[in-house]
Amino acid sequence: YRYPLDERGRPVISEELLLLIRHFGVPLFADESDEEIWGDALSSMPTVARLLEELKRSPVM
């Protein structure tokens, strides 16, 4: 999943993604270039789609 970038090359975070990050506290920005940092954590990371499903089922606030 690629995030849209602003003029400075930083990810633009939608309200939806912000809620996901606050709710789950997961590093949603991990991608292939982060593999050295995250290692095995990458393969076990929940997908954004699954997080959205979870979010629908549980109240965020």
PDB file of N, CA and C in Angstrom:
ATOM      1  N   TYR A   1       0.854  -1.185   0.000  1.00  0.00           N
ATOM      2  CA  TYR A   1       0.000   0.000   0.000  1.00  0.00           C
ATOM      3  C   TYR A   1       0.884   1.227   0.000  1.00  0.00           C
ATOM      4  N   ARG A   2       0.673   2.107  -0.965  1.00  0.00           N
ATOM      5  CA  ARG A   2       1.473   3.337  -1.060  1.00  0.00           C
ATOM      6  C   ARG A   2       0.639   4.525  -0.612  1.00  0.00           C
ATOM      7  N   TYR A   3       1.236   5.374   0.204  1.00  0.00           N
ATOM      8  CA  TYR A   3       0.537   6.558   0.680  1.00  0.00           C
ATOM      9  C   TYR A   3       0.773   7.703  -0.286  1.00  0.00           C
ATOM     10  N   PRO A   4      -0.261   8.538  -0.500  1.00  0.00           N
ATOM     11  CA  PRO A   4      -0.022   9.740  -1.312  1.00  0.00           C
ATOM     12  C   PRO A   4       0.959  10.646  -0.568  1.00  0.00           C
ATOM     13  N   LEU A   5       1.842  11.312  -1.319  1.00  0.00           N
ATOM     14  CA  LEU A   5       2.856  12.153  -0.673  1.00  0.00           C
ATOM     15  C   LEU A   5       2.560  13.636  -0.895  1.00  0.00           C
ATOM     16  N   ASP A   6       2.927  14.459   0.082  1.00  0.00           N
ATOM     17  CA  ASP A   6       2.767  15.902  -0.096  1.00  0.00           C
ATOM     18  C   ASP A   6       3.984  16.440  -0.856  1.00  0.00           C
ATOM     19  N   GLU A   7       4.049  17.765  -1.020  1.00  0.00           N
ATOM     20  CA  GLU A   7       5.126  18.367  -1.808  1.00  0.00           C
ATOM     21  C   GLU A   7       6.508  18.147  -1.210  1.00  0.00           C
ATOM     22  N   ARG A   8       6.568  17.806   0.069  1.00  0.00           N
ATOM     23  CA  ARG A   8       7.862  17.536   0.704  1.00  0.00           C
ATOM     24  C   ARG A   8       8.210  16.054   0.713  1.00  0.00           C
ATOM     25  N   GLY A   9       7.331  15.246   0.112  1.00  0.00           N
ATOM     26  CA  GLY A   9       7.607  13.820   0.059  1.00  0.00           C
ATOM     27  C   GLY A   9       7.209  13.060   1.299  1.00  0.00           C
ATOM     28  N   ARG A  10       6.412  13.691   2.158  1.00  0.00           N
ATOM     29  CA  ARG A  10       5.951  13.003   3.362  1.00  0.00           C
ATOM     30  C   ARG A  10       4.573  12.401   3.114  1.00  0.00           C
ATOM     31  N   PRO A  11       4.275  11.280   3.775  1.00  0.00           N
ATOM     32  CA  PRO A  11       2.969  10.659   3.563  1.00  0.00           C
ATOM     33  C   PRO A  11       1.830  11.579   4.015  1.00  0.00           C
ATOM     34  N   VAL A  12       0.786  11.622   3.198  1.00  0.00           N
ATOM     35  CA  VAL A  12      -0.420  12.359   3.573  1.00  0.00           C
ATOM     36  C   VAL A  12      -1.319  11.362   4.299  1.00  0.00           C
ATOM     37  N   ILE A  13      -1.641  11.673   5.539  1.00  0.00           N
ATOM     38  CA  ILE A  13      -2.408  10.727   6.339  1.00  0.00           C
ATOM     39  C   ILE A  13      -3.876  11.126   6.347  1.00  0.00           C
ATOM     40  N   SER A  14      -4.712  10.214   5.883  1.00  0.00           N
ATOM     41  CA  SER A  14      -6.142  10.481   5.895  1.00  0.00           C
ATOM     42  C   SER A  14      -6.672  10.326   7.309  1.00  0.00           C
ATOM     43  N   GLU A  15      -7.839  10.877   7.543  1.00  0.00           N
ATOM     44  CA  GLU A  15      -8.492  10.797   8.842  1.00  0.00           C
ATOM     45  C   GLU A  15      -8.664   9.327   9.236  1.00  0.00           C
ATOM     46  N   GLU A  16      -9.022   8.514   8.259  1.00  0.00           N
ATOM     47  CA  GLU A  16      -9.248   7.083   8.482  1.00  0.00           C
ATOM     48  C   GLU A  16      -7.971   6.393   8.967  1.00  0.00           C
ATOM     49  N   LEU A  17      -6.850   6.683   8.287  1.00  0.00           N
ATOM     50  CA  LEU A  17      -5.575   6.076   8.671  1.00  0.00           C
ATOM     51  C   LEU A  17      -5.119   6.563  10.038  1.00  0.00           C
ATOM     52  N   LEU A  18      -5.372   7.830  10.316  1.00  0.00           N
ATOM     53  CA  LEU A  18      -4.994   8.384  11.605  1.00  0.00           C
ATOM     54  C   LEU A  18      -5.723   7.643  12.728  1.00  0.00           C
ATOM     55  N   LEU A  19      -7.004   7.366  12.517  1.00  0.00           N
ATOM     56  CA  LEU A  19      -7.784   6.607  13.497  1.00  0.00           C
ATOM     57  C   LEU A  19      -7.197   5.213  13.682  1.00  0.00           C
ATOM     58  N   LEU A  20      -6.819   4.589  12.582  1.00  0.00           N
ATOM     59  CA  LEU A  20      -6.234   3.250  12.643  1.00  0.00           C
ATOM     60  C   LEU A  20      -4.939   3.256  13.442  1.00  0.00           C
ATOM     61  N   ILE A  21      -4.097   4.246  13.166  1.00  0.00           N
ATOM     62  CA  ILE A  21      -2.810   4.326  13.852  1.00  0.00           C
ATOM     63  C   ILE A  21      -3.025   4.559  15.343  1.00  0.00           C
ATOM     64  N   ARG A  22      -3.957   5.448  15.680  1.00  0.00           N
ATOM     65  CA  ARG A  22      -4.241   5.721  17.090  1.00  0.00           C
ATOM     66  C   ARG A  22      -4.821   4.495  17.783  1.00  0.00           C
ATOM     67  N   HIS A  23      -5.710   3.815  17.073  1.00  0.00           N
ATOM     68  CA  HIS A  23      -6.425   2.685  17.667  1.00  0.00           C
ATOM     69  C   HIS A  23      -5.528   1.462  17.842  1.00  0.00           C
ATOM     70  N   PHE A  24      -4.772   1.134  16.803  1.00  0.00           N
ATOM     71  CA  PHE A  24      -3.981  -0.089  16.826  1.00  0.00           C
ATOM     72  C   PHE A  24      -2.527   0.123  17.200  1.00  0.00           C
ATOM     73  N   GLY A  25      -2.038   1.363  17.025  1.00  0.00           N
ATOM     74  CA  GLY A  25      -0.654   1.649  17.355  1.00  0.00           C
ATOM     75  C   GLY A  25       0.328   0.821  16.548  1.00  0.00           C
ATOM     76  N   VAL A  26      -0.004   0.539  15.296  1.00  0.00           N
ATOM     77  CA  VAL A  26       0.902  -0.259  14.475  1.00  0.00           C
ATOM     78  C   VAL A  26       1.633   0.637  13.485  1.00  0.00           C
ATOM     79  N   PRO A  27       2.840   0.243  13.088  1.00  0.00           N
ATOM     80  CA  PRO A  27       3.589   1.037  12.120  1.00  0.00           C
ATOM     81  C   PRO A  27       3.061   0.806  10.708  1.00  0.00           C
ATOM     82  N   LEU A  28       2.035   1.545  10.332  1.00  0.00           N
ATOM     83  CA  LEU A  28       1.401   1.339   9.027  1.00  0.00           C
ATOM     84  C   LEU A  28       2.262   1.804   7.859  1.00  0.00           C
ATOM     85  N   PHE A  29       3.364   2.500   8.175  1.00  0.00           N
ATOM     86  CA  PHE A  29       4.180   3.029   7.093  1.00  0.00           C
ATOM     87  C   PHE A  29       5.270   2.070   6.644  1.00  0.00           C
ATOM     88  N   ALA A  30       5.361   0.929   7.279  1.00  0.00           N
ATOM     89  CA  ALA A  30       6.402  -0.025   6.894  1.00  0.00           C
ATOM     90  C   ALA A  30       6.224  -0.459   5.449  1.00  0.00           C
ATOM     91  N   ASP A  31       7.285  -0.498   4.709  1.00  0.00           N
ATOM     92  CA  ASP A  31       7.253  -1.036   3.351  1.00  0.00           C
ATOM     93  C   ASP A  31       8.556  -1.800   3.124  1.00  0.00           C
ATOM     94  N   GLU A  32       8.801  -2.159   1.886  1.00  0.00           N
ATOM     95  CA  GLU A  32       9.979  -2.982   1.584  1.00  0.00           C
ATOM     96  C   GLU A  32      11.275  -2.336   2.079  1.00  0.00           C
ATOM     97  N   SER A  33      11.354  -1.015   1.992  1.00  0.00           N
ATOM     98  CA  SER A  33      12.595  -0.339   2.381  1.00  0.00           C
ATOM     99  C   SER A  33      12.832  -0.381   3.888  1.00  0.00           C
ATOM    100  N   ASP A  34      11.794  -0.728   4.641  1.00  0.00           N
ATOM    101  CA  ASP A  34      11.931  -0.792   6.096  1.00  0.00           C
ATOM    102  C   ASP A  34      12.264  -2.187   6.590  1.00  0.00           C
ATOM    103  N   GLU A  35      12.462  -3.102   5.674  1.00  0.00           N
ATOM    104  CA  GLU A  35      12.613  -4.498   6.052  1.00  0.00           C
ATOM    105  C   GLU A  35      13.746  -4.723   7.052  1.00  0.00           C
ATOM    106  N   GLU A  36      14.868  -4.002   6.864  1.00  0.00           N
ATOM    107  CA  GLU A  36      15.993  -4.172   7.787  1.00  0.00           C
ATOM    108  C   GLU A  36      15.604  -3.747   9.199  1.00  0.00           C
ATOM    109  N   ILE A  37      14.790  -2.701   9.287  1.00  0.00           N
ATOM    110  CA  ILE A  37      14.384  -2.185  10.594  1.00  0.00           C
ATOM    111  C   ILE A  37      13.356  -3.115  11.238  1.00  0.00           C
ATOM    112  N   TRP A  38      12.338  -3.487  10.454  1.00  0.00           N
ATOM    113  CA  TRP A  38      11.220  -4.243  11.014  1.00  0.00           C
ATOM    114  C   TRP A  38      11.417  -5.745  11.002  1.00  0.00           C
ATOM    115  N   GLY A  39      12.173  -6.224  10.022  1.00  0.00           N
ATOM    116  CA  GLY A  39      12.437  -7.660   9.927  1.00  0.00           C
ATOM    117  C   GLY A  39      11.175  -8.505   9.869  1.00  0.00           C
ATOM    118  N   ASP A  40      11.080  -9.487  10.769  1.00  0.00           N
ATOM    119  CA  ASP A  40       9.955 -10.419  10.770  1.00  0.00           C
ATOM    120  C   ASP A  40       8.633  -9.748  11.115  1.00  0.00           C
ATOM    121  N   ALA A  41       8.695  -8.601  11.773  1.00  0.00           N
ATOM    122  CA  ALA A  41       7.468  -7.904  12.146  1.00  0.00           C
ATOM    123  C   ALA A  41       6.637  -7.574  10.907  1.00  0.00           C
ATOM    124  N   LEU A  42       7.327  -7.325   9.793  1.00  0.00           N
ATOM    125  CA  LEU A  42       6.627  -6.980   8.560  1.00  0.00           C
ATOM    126  C   LEU A  42       5.672  -8.081   8.121  1.00  0.00           C
ATOM    127  N   SER A  43       6.126  -9.310   8.168  1.00  0.00           N
ATOM    128  CA  SER A  43       5.306 -10.406   7.667  1.00  0.00           C
ATOM    129  C   SER A  43       4.085 -10.654   8.550  1.00  0.00           C
ATOM    130  N   SER A  44       4.167 -10.268   9.818  1.00  0.00           N
ATOM    131  CA  SER A  44       3.045 -10.510  10.710  1.00  0.00           C
ATOM    132  C   SER A  44       2.188  -9.264  10.915  1.00  0.00           C
ATOM    133  N   MET A  45       2.539  -8.173  10.225  1.00  0.00           N
ATOM    134  CA  MET A  45       1.773  -6.944  10.385  1.00  0.00           C
ATOM    135  C   MET A  45       0.385  -7.081   9.787  1.00  0.00           C
ATOM    136  N   PRO A  46      -0.628  -6.562  10.480  1.00  0.00           N
ATOM    137  CA  PRO A  46      -1.974  -6.603   9.918  1.00  0.00           C
ATOM    138  C   PRO A  46      -2.061  -5.707   8.680  1.00  0.00           C
ATOM    139  N   THR A  47      -2.855  -6.112   7.726  1.00  0.00           N
ATOM    140  CA  THR A  47      -3.021  -5.284   6.542  1.00  0.00           C
ATOM    141  C   THR A  47      -3.993  -4.156   6.845  1.00  0.00           C
ATOM    142  N   VAL A  48      -3.915  -3.104   6.064  1.00  0.00           N
ATOM    143  CA  VAL A  48      -4.809  -1.970   6.242  1.00  0.00           C
ATOM    144  C   VAL A  48      -6.261  -2.425   6.094  1.00  0.00           C
ATOM    145  N   ALA A  49      -6.506  -3.310   5.137  1.00  0.00           N
ATOM    146  CA  ALA A  49      -7.868  -3.804   4.919  1.00  0.00           C
ATOM    147  C   ALA A  49      -8.406  -4.516   6.162  1.00  0.00           C
ATOM    148  N   ARG A  50      -7.555  -5.345   6.773  1.00  0.00           N
ATOM    149  CA  ARG A  50      -7.991  -6.064   7.965  1.00  0.00           C
ATOM    150  C   ARG A  50      -8.215  -5.094   9.123  1.00  0.00           C
ATOM    151  N   LEU A  51      -7.344  -4.082   9.216  1.00  0.00           N
ATOM    152  CA  LEU A  51      -7.506  -3.078  10.268  1.00  0.00           C
ATOM    153  C   LEU A  51      -8.832  -2.335  10.105  1.00  0.00           C
ATOM    154  N   LEU A  52      -9.178  -2.029   8.852  1.00  0.00           N
ATOM    155  CA  LEU A  52     -10.436  -1.335   8.602  1.00  0.00           C
ATOM    156  C   LEU A  52     -11.616  -2.191   9.034  1.00  0.00           C
ATOM    157  N   GLU A  53     -11.533  -3.488   8.768  1.00  0.00           N
ATOM    158  CA  GLU A  53     -12.596  -4.402   9.189  1.00  0.00           C
ATOM    159  C   GLU A  53     -12.727  -4.412  10.712  1.00  0.00           C
ATOM    160  N   GLU A  54     -11.590  -4.495  11.386  1.00  0.00           N
ATOM    161  CA  GLU A  54     -11.577  -4.475  12.847  1.00  0.00           C
ATOM    162  C   GLU A  54     -12.169  -3.167  13.370  1.00  0.00           C
ATOM    163  N   LEU A  55     -11.795  -2.082  12.715  1.00  0.00           N
ATOM    164  CA  LEU A  55     -12.243  -0.762  13.136  1.00  0.00           C
ATOM    165  C   LEU A  55     -13.764  -0.656  13.063  1.00  0.00           C
ATOM    166  N   LYS A  56     -14.341  -1.229  12.022  1.00  0.00           N
ATOM    167  CA  LYS A  56     -15.800  -1.190  11.869  1.00  0.00           C
ATOM    168  C   LYS A  56     -16.485  -1.942  13.000  1.00  0.00           C
ATOM    169  N   ARG A  57     -15.822  -2.978  13.490  1.00  0.00           N
ATOM    170  CA  ARG A  57     -16.428  -3.820  14.528  1.00  0.00           C
ATOM    171  C   ARG A  57     -16.232  -3.285  15.943  1.00  0.00           C
ATOM    172  N   SER A  58     -15.195  -2.471  16.136  1.00  0.00           N
ATOM    173  CA  SER A  58     -14.948  -1.996  17.502  1.00  0.00           C
ATOM    174  C   SER A  58     -14.907  -0.476  17.546  1.00  0.00           C
ATOM    175  N   PRO A  59     -15.511   0.111  18.563  1.00  0.00           N
ATOM    176  CA  PRO A  59     -15.487   1.573  18.673  1.00  0.00           C
ATOM    177  C   PRO A  59     -14.063   2.075  18.903  1.00  0.00           C
ATOM    178  N   VAL A  60     -13.718   3.170  18.254  1.00  0.00           N
ATOM    179  CA  VAL A  60     -12.369   3.714  18.370  1.00  0.00           C
ATOM    180  C   VAL A  60     -12.223   4.525  19.649  1.00  0.00           C
ATOM    181  N   MET A  61     -13.228   5.301  19.935  1.00  0.00           N
ATOM    182  CA  MET A  61     -13.136   6.204  21.089  1.00  0.00           C
ATOM    183  C   MET A  61     -13.596   5.517  22.368  1.00  0.00           C
TER     184      MET A  61
END
